[in-house]
Protein backbone atom coordinates (compact mmCIF):
# COMPACT_ATOMS: atom_id res chain seq x y z
CA MET A 1 2.44 -1.50 1.16
CA SER A 2 0.34 -1.15 -1.82
CA VAL A 3 -2.68 0.88 -2.34
CA GLU A 4 -5.54 -1.89 -3.28
CA ARG A 5 -7.97 -0.56 -6.09
CA ALA A 6 -11.19 -1.69 -7.14
CA SER A 7 -11.98 -2.90 -10.23
CA ASN A 8 -14.62 -0.94 -12.49
CA SER A 9 -12.81 2.24 -10.99
CA ALA A 10 -14.56 5.73 -12.02
CA VAL A 11 -14.19 7.76 -14.89
CA LEU A 12 -14.48 11.84 -14.96
CA ALA A 13 -15.13 13.30 -18.05
CA VAL A 14 -14.26 16.96 -17.91
CA MET A 15 -15.91 18.53 -20.94
CA PRO A 16 -18.03 21.79 -21.76
CA ALA A 17 -20.50 20.58 -24.19
CA GLU A 18 -23.64 18.75 -22.49
CA ASP A 19 -24.30 16.73 -25.65
CA ASP A 20 -20.42 15.17 -25.11
CA LEU A 21 -21.29 14.55 -21.62
CA ALA A 22 -24.88 13.06 -22.54
CA ALA A 23 -23.15 11.01 -25.16
CA LEU A 24 -20.49 9.58 -22.10
CA ARG A 25 -23.35 9.02 -19.69
CA GLU A 26 -25.40 6.76 -22.25
CA ILE A 27 -22.05 4.69 -23.54
CA LEU A 28 -20.92 3.93 -19.73
CA ALA A 29 -24.29 3.54 -18.50
CA ASP A 30 -24.00 -0.19 -18.60
CA SER A 31 -20.30 -0.48 -18.41
CA GLY A 32 -20.41 -0.72 -14.40
CA ARG A 33 -18.10 2.56 -14.12
CA ARG A 34 -19.43 5.32 -12.48
CA LEU A 35 -19.07 8.40 -14.43
CA HIS A 36 -18.42 11.80 -12.78
CA THR A 37 -18.60 14.99 -14.83
CA THR A 38 -17.47 18.39 -15.06
CA THR A 39 -16.89 21.38 -17.20
CA VAL A 40 -13.95 22.92 -16.10
CA VAL A 41 -10.24 22.02 -15.72
CA THR A 42 -9.99 23.96 -12.06
CA ASP A 43 -12.73 21.47 -10.26
CA VAL A 44 -10.52 18.24 -11.10
CA ALA A 45 -8.13 18.02 -8.24
CA LEU A 46 -11.26 18.32 -5.42
CA LEU A 47 -13.25 15.57 -7.70
CA LEU A 48 -10.43 13.29 -7.78
CA SER A 49 -9.31 13.95 -4.17
CA ASN A 50 -13.12 12.31 -3.41
CA SER A 51 -13.40 9.19 -5.72
CA PRO A 52 -11.13 6.73 -6.81
CA THR A 53 -10.59 7.58 -10.48
CA GLY A 54 -9.24 5.30 -13.18
CA ALA A 55 -9.39 7.27 -16.31
CA VAL A 56 -10.48 10.90 -17.45
CA ILE A 57 -11.31 11.84 -20.59
CA SER A 58 -10.63 15.71 -21.45
CA GLU A 59 -11.91 18.00 -23.91
CA GLY A 60 -8.74 18.83 -26.15
CA ALA A 61 -9.65 22.73 -25.54
CA PHE A 62 -12.33 24.55 -23.21
CA PRO A 63 -13.63 27.87 -23.65
CA ASP A 64 -11.76 29.52 -20.67
CA GLY A 65 -8.41 29.12 -22.45
CA HIS A 66 -7.34 25.44 -20.55
CA ASP A 67 -6.75 22.71 -22.51
CA TRP A 68 -5.67 18.86 -22.06
CA LYS A 69 -2.31 19.65 -21.24
CA ASP A 70 -3.35 21.93 -18.45
CA LEU A 71 -5.33 19.33 -17.34
CA LEU A 72 -2.55 16.78 -17.48
CA SER A 73 -0.69 18.77 -15.28
CA VAL A 74 -3.16 18.68 -12.74
CA LEU A 75 -3.31 14.88 -13.00
CA HIS A 76 0.40 14.75 -12.44
CA GLU A 77 -0.05 16.56 -9.26
CA ALA A 78 -2.64 14.11 -7.79
CA VAL A 79 -1.33 11.27 -5.30
CA ASP A 80 -2.59 8.43 -7.70
CA PRO A 81 -3.05 9.77 -10.91
CA PRO A 82 -5.69 8.55 -13.58
CA ALA A 83 -5.11 7.79 -17.27
CA LEU A 84 -5.92 10.39 -19.18
CA ILE A 85 -8.05 10.48 -22.65
CA VAL A 86 -8.20 13.25 -24.82
CA ALA A 87 -11.32 13.57 -26.95
CA ASP A 88 -11.54 15.83 -30.12
CA ARG A 89 -13.36 16.58 -33.50
CA LEU A 90 -10.09 17.05 -35.01
CA ALA A 91 -8.45 13.73 -33.73
CA ASP A 92 -5.52 12.92 -35.93
CA GLU A 93 -2.34 11.21 -35.95
CA ARG A 94 -0.15 14.24 -34.82
CA LEU A 95 -2.58 15.13 -31.96
CA TRP A 96 -2.44 11.17 -31.22
CA ALA A 97 1.38 11.30 -31.09
CA GLU A 98 1.27 14.62 -28.92
CA VAL A 99 -1.11 13.44 -26.40
CA LEU A 100 1.03 10.11 -26.05
CA ASN A 101 4.12 11.57 -25.89
CA LEU A 102 3.43 14.23 -23.31
CA GLY A 103 2.00 11.54 -20.95
CA GLY A 104 -1.90 10.84 -21.83
CA TYR A 105 -3.10 7.45 -22.46
CA ASP A 106 -5.29 7.77 -25.60
CA LEU A 107 -7.07 9.84 -28.10
CA LEU A 108 -10.88 9.59 -28.87
CA ALA A 109 -12.52 11.03 -31.91
CA LYS A 110 -15.89 12.99 -31.54
CA PRO A 111 -18.39 12.31 -32.00
CA PHE A 112 -18.12 9.66 -29.87
CA ASP A 113 -18.27 5.96 -31.27
CA THR A 114 -19.56 3.51 -28.46
CA LYS A 115 -16.91 0.71 -29.22
CA GLU A 116 -14.26 3.02 -29.26
CA VAL A 117 -15.14 4.59 -25.65
CA LEU A 118 -15.73 1.54 -24.03
CA TYR A 119 -12.30 0.10 -25.40
CA ALA A 120 -10.47 3.25 -24.48
CA VAL A 121 -11.72 3.39 -21.07
CA GLY A 122 -11.63 -0.27 -20.06
CA ALA A 123 -8.17 -0.48 -21.20
CA ALA A 124 -7.25 2.58 -19.32
CA CYS A 125 -8.74 1.84 -16.26
CA ARG A 126 -7.17 -1.52 -16.28
CA TRP A 127 -4.05 0.26 -16.45
CA TRP A 128 -4.87 2.26 -13.40
CA GLU A 129 -5.98 -0.76 -11.64
CA ASN A 130 -3.07 -2.95 -12.08
CA LYS A 131 -0.51 0.28 -11.49
CA PRO A 132 0.99 -0.95 -8.29
CA ARG A 133 1.12 -4.68 -9.59
CA THR A 134 3.02 -3.60 -12.46
CA ALA A 135 5.18 -1.27 -10.66
CA ILE A 136 6.26 -4.04 -8.12
CA LEU A 137 6.77 -6.80 -11.10
CA LEU A 138 9.22 -4.05 -12.95
CA GLU A 139 10.99 -3.61 -9.81
CA ARG A 140 11.43 -7.37 -9.07
CA GLY A 141 12.60 -7.70 -12.55
CA VAL A 142 9.55 -9.77 -13.81
CA ALA A 143 9.53 -9.33 -17.66
CA SER A 144 5.37 -9.64 -18.20
CA ALA A 145 2.67 -9.10 -15.78
CA ALA A 146 0.23 -11.86 -16.86
């Protein structure tokens, strides 16, 4: 039995800087997606258990010594892990490759570009919302999920 996911799943932003959170609130305000926020990695597991979340946007590094890799470990422990999008002022091809190779979904440059955020969040949430269907199709040997 597969779990049904609502379209327009929530987004969780894990960022210590209020200006970054404010920018994400403004960008996602009309997207139809609820935005939950926290400033620390240690709150993530509880927040994920309270709301179906399709994507997490994370700071690259946190003042308390945690970084996006620590958050990725927390997400992997979740029952239904969302896609991780890392946001960093030093976004480059090296960091993008590292994020993807370690299991993240995407990398965003800061300051945020509205179109890039909306595209990345939309794609990540659609991936999460369609995960069960994709898994079922792959199990049955169907090559493409249209």
